[in-house]
Each structure stands twice: as C-alpha cells, then as structure tokens.
Amino acid sequence: MKHIVAWTDNAMSDFMEIWTSSMDRPAVTAAARYLDQILEVEPLHERHEVVRGFGTAIHAPLGVDFWVDEVARRVFVTAAWPVSEDE
C-alpha cells in the first residue's frame, strides 16, 4: 500500500532555495520526483537511514529528512539539502 508524501513548508522553502541556486535545475527537480516516488512506496527501505520513524534519503543532487507515520500511511518531508555527486 502506498504512502502519501507531503513536504512541509520548511522543506519546500529549502527545496526552492536549492533549485533557484542550482546550475542544473532539471536534475534537482528529477531528484525530488525520484525521492517522492521512493518514499511513497518504500519509506522504510533498508537504503534509507530510519530510526523511530525519522529518516534520511539521498538521491544526488538532493537529500531529504523525513518522518513516517505508518498508521496514517503518510510521509512528511521536513528538510532538504544539496548533495554533491560524490556523496
């Protein structure tokens, strides 16, 4: 069963700051879409660092912090930051 992914105002603000300052805006947009899709289907996947419902997911050039409410089947993205291809 899928989860609903919602970005908090702070996370959206972070994303917009990253996007507007990026030299490759399509890559930032694609990374956000990819992370949304992964969090929708598998927020607790082994490739994510998740402790007590709080997690981190990275897909360069973007990383996000998130919180999972398994009962409500919702994922809240709480922060976003730029990630270099080397990370």
C-alpha atoms as a PDB file:
ATOM      1  CA  MET A   1       0.000   0.000   0.000  1.00  0.00           C
ATOM      2  CA  LYS A   2       1.295   3.434  -0.900  1.00  0.00           C
ATOM      3  CA  HIS A   3       2.035   6.308   1.450  1.00  0.00           C
ATOM      4  CA  ILE A   4       1.028   9.918   0.889  1.00  0.00           C
ATOM      5  CA  VAL A   5       4.124  12.141   0.718  1.00  0.00           C
ATOM      6  CA  ALA A   6       3.795  15.740   1.900  1.00  0.00           C
ATOM      7  CA  TRP A   7       6.512  18.378   2.046  1.00  0.00           C
ATOM      8  CA  THR A   8       6.392  20.776   4.983  1.00  0.00           C
ATOM      9  CA  ASP A   9       6.674  24.499   4.341  1.00  0.00           C
ATOM     10  CA  ASN A  10      10.269  24.419   5.626  1.00  0.00           C
ATOM     11  CA  ALA A  11      11.194  21.579   3.281  1.00  0.00           C
ATOM     12  CA  MET A  12       9.605  23.372   0.319  1.00  0.00           C
ATOM     13  CA  SER A  13      11.495  26.524   1.221  1.00  0.00           C
ATOM     14  CA  ASP A  14      14.738  24.516   1.372  1.00  0.00           C
ATOM     15  CA  PHE A  15      13.945  22.934  -1.996  1.00  0.00           C
ATOM     16  CA  MET A  16      13.195  26.256  -3.672  1.00  0.00           C
ATOM     17  CA  GLU A  17      16.445  27.720  -2.370  1.00  0.00           C
ATOM     18  CA  ILE A  18      18.379  24.723  -3.723  1.00  0.00           C
ATOM     19  CA  TRP A  19      16.508  24.812  -7.031  1.00  0.00           C
ATOM     20  CA  THR A  20      16.965  28.541  -7.656  1.00  0.00           C
ATOM     21  CA  SER A  21      20.685  28.427  -6.871  1.00  0.00           C
ATOM     22  CA  SER A  22      21.354  25.260  -8.864  1.00  0.00           C
ATOM     23  CA  MET A  23      23.242  25.191 -12.146  1.00  0.00           C
ATOM     24  CA  ASP A  24      21.210  22.082 -13.085  1.00  0.00           C
ATOM     25  CA  ARG A  25      17.599  22.716 -12.126  1.00  0.00           C
ATOM     26  CA  PRO A  26      16.238  19.747 -14.107  1.00  0.00           C
ATOM     27  CA  ALA A  27      18.467  17.412 -12.055  1.00  0.00           C
ATOM     28  CA  VAL A  28      17.168  18.878  -8.782  1.00  0.00           C
ATOM     29  CA  THR A  29      13.574  18.514  -9.974  1.00  0.00           C
ATOM     30  CA  ALA A  30      14.196  14.929 -11.122  1.00  0.00           C
ATOM     31  CA  ALA A  31      15.807  14.038  -7.774  1.00  0.00           C
ATOM     32  CA  ALA A  32      12.801  15.420  -5.869  1.00  0.00           C
ATOM     33  CA  ARG A  33      10.421  13.399  -8.049  1.00  0.00           C
ATOM     34  CA  TYR A  34      12.501  10.254  -7.567  1.00  0.00           C
ATOM     35  CA  LEU A  35      12.604  10.713  -3.779  1.00  0.00           C
ATOM     36  CA  ASP A  36       8.849  11.319  -3.699  1.00  0.00           C
ATOM     37  CA  GLN A  37       8.245   8.091  -5.618  1.00  0.00           C
ATOM     38  CA  ILE A  38      10.557   6.044  -3.394  1.00  0.00           C
ATOM     39  CA  LEU A  39       9.093   7.466  -0.180  1.00  0.00           C
ATOM     40  CA  GLU A  40       5.587   6.839  -1.465  1.00  0.00           C
ATOM     41  CA  VAL A  41       6.301   3.138  -1.994  1.00  0.00           C
ATOM     42  CA  GLU A  42       9.094   2.233   0.446  1.00  0.00           C
ATOM     43  CA  PRO A  43       9.806   4.877   3.104  1.00  0.00           C
ATOM     44  CA  LEU A  44      11.290   2.297   5.475  1.00  0.00           C
ATOM     45  CA  HIS A  45      13.540   0.664   2.887  1.00  0.00           C
ATOM     46  CA  GLU A  46      16.969  -0.527   4.008  1.00  0.00           C
ATOM     47  CA  ARG A  47      18.733   2.040   1.807  1.00  0.00           C
ATOM     48  CA  HIS A  48      17.309   4.823   3.974  1.00  0.00           C
ATOM     49  CA  GLU A  49      18.568   5.612   7.419  1.00  0.00           C
ATOM     50  CA  VAL A  50      15.424   5.413   9.567  1.00  0.00           C
ATOM     51  CA  VAL A  51      15.252   5.437  13.360  1.00  0.00           C
ATOM     52  CA  ARG A  52      11.904   5.576  15.174  1.00  0.00           C
ATOM     53  CA  GLY A  53      10.144   6.857  12.082  1.00  0.00           C
ATOM     54  CA  PHE A  54      12.645   9.623  11.321  1.00  0.00           C
ATOM     55  CA  GLY A  55      14.810   9.103   8.267  1.00  0.00           C
ATOM     56  CA  THR A  56      17.122  10.428   5.611  1.00  0.00           C
ATOM     57  CA  ALA A  57      17.093   9.677   1.897  1.00  0.00           C
ATOM     58  CA  ILE A  58      19.593  10.857  -0.694  1.00  0.00           C
ATOM     59  CA  HIS A  59      19.483  10.964  -4.469  1.00  0.00           C
ATOM     60  CA  ALA A  60      22.084  13.419  -5.757  1.00  0.00           C
ATOM     61  CA  PRO A  61      21.831  16.311  -6.097  1.00  0.00           C
ATOM     62  CA  LEU A  62      19.241  16.290  -3.302  1.00  0.00           C
ATOM     63  CA  GLY A  63      18.921  14.877   0.188  1.00  0.00           C
ATOM     64  CA  VAL A  64      15.859  14.972   2.448  1.00  0.00           C
ATOM     65  CA  ASP A  65      14.911  14.313   6.045  1.00  0.00           C
ATOM     66  CA  PHE A  66      11.523  12.747   6.589  1.00  0.00           C
ATOM     67  CA  TRP A  67       9.172  11.357   9.207  1.00  0.00           C
ATOM     68  CA  VAL A  68       6.938   8.327   8.633  1.00  0.00           C
ATOM     69  CA  ASP A  69       3.513   7.863  10.188  1.00  0.00           C
ATOM     70  CA  GLU A  70       2.885   4.188   9.416  1.00  0.00           C
ATOM     71  CA  VAL A  71      -0.607   4.179  10.937  1.00  0.00           C
ATOM     72  CA  ALA A  72      -1.789   7.023   8.673  1.00  0.00           C
ATOM     73  CA  ARG A  73       0.426   5.830   5.764  1.00  0.00           C
ATOM     74  CA  ARG A  74       1.933   9.315   5.429  1.00  0.00           C
ATOM     75  CA  VAL A  75       5.476  10.551   4.936  1.00  0.00           C
ATOM     76  CA  PHE A  76       6.374  14.116   5.855  1.00  0.00           C
ATOM     77  CA  VAL A  77       9.492  15.565   4.217  1.00  0.00           C
ATOM     78  CA  THR A  78      10.807  18.004   6.804  1.00  0.00           C
ATOM     79  CA  ALA A  79      14.043  19.326   5.275  1.00  0.00           C
ATOM     80  CA  ALA A  80      16.032  19.265   2.040  1.00  0.00           C
ATOM     81  CA  TRP A  81      19.661  19.991   1.289  1.00  0.00           C
ATOM     82  CA  PRO A  82      22.015  19.912  -1.702  1.00  0.00           C
ATOM     83  CA  VAL A  83      24.154  16.811  -2.217  1.00  0.00           C
ATOM     84  CA  SER A  84      27.192  16.622  -4.459  1.00  0.00           C
ATOM     85  CA  GLU A  85      27.501  13.745  -6.917  1.00  0.00           C
ATOM     86  CA  ASP A  86      30.489  12.493  -4.875  1.00  0.00           C
ATOM     87  CA  GLU A  87      28.446  11.862  -1.707  1.00  0.00           C
END
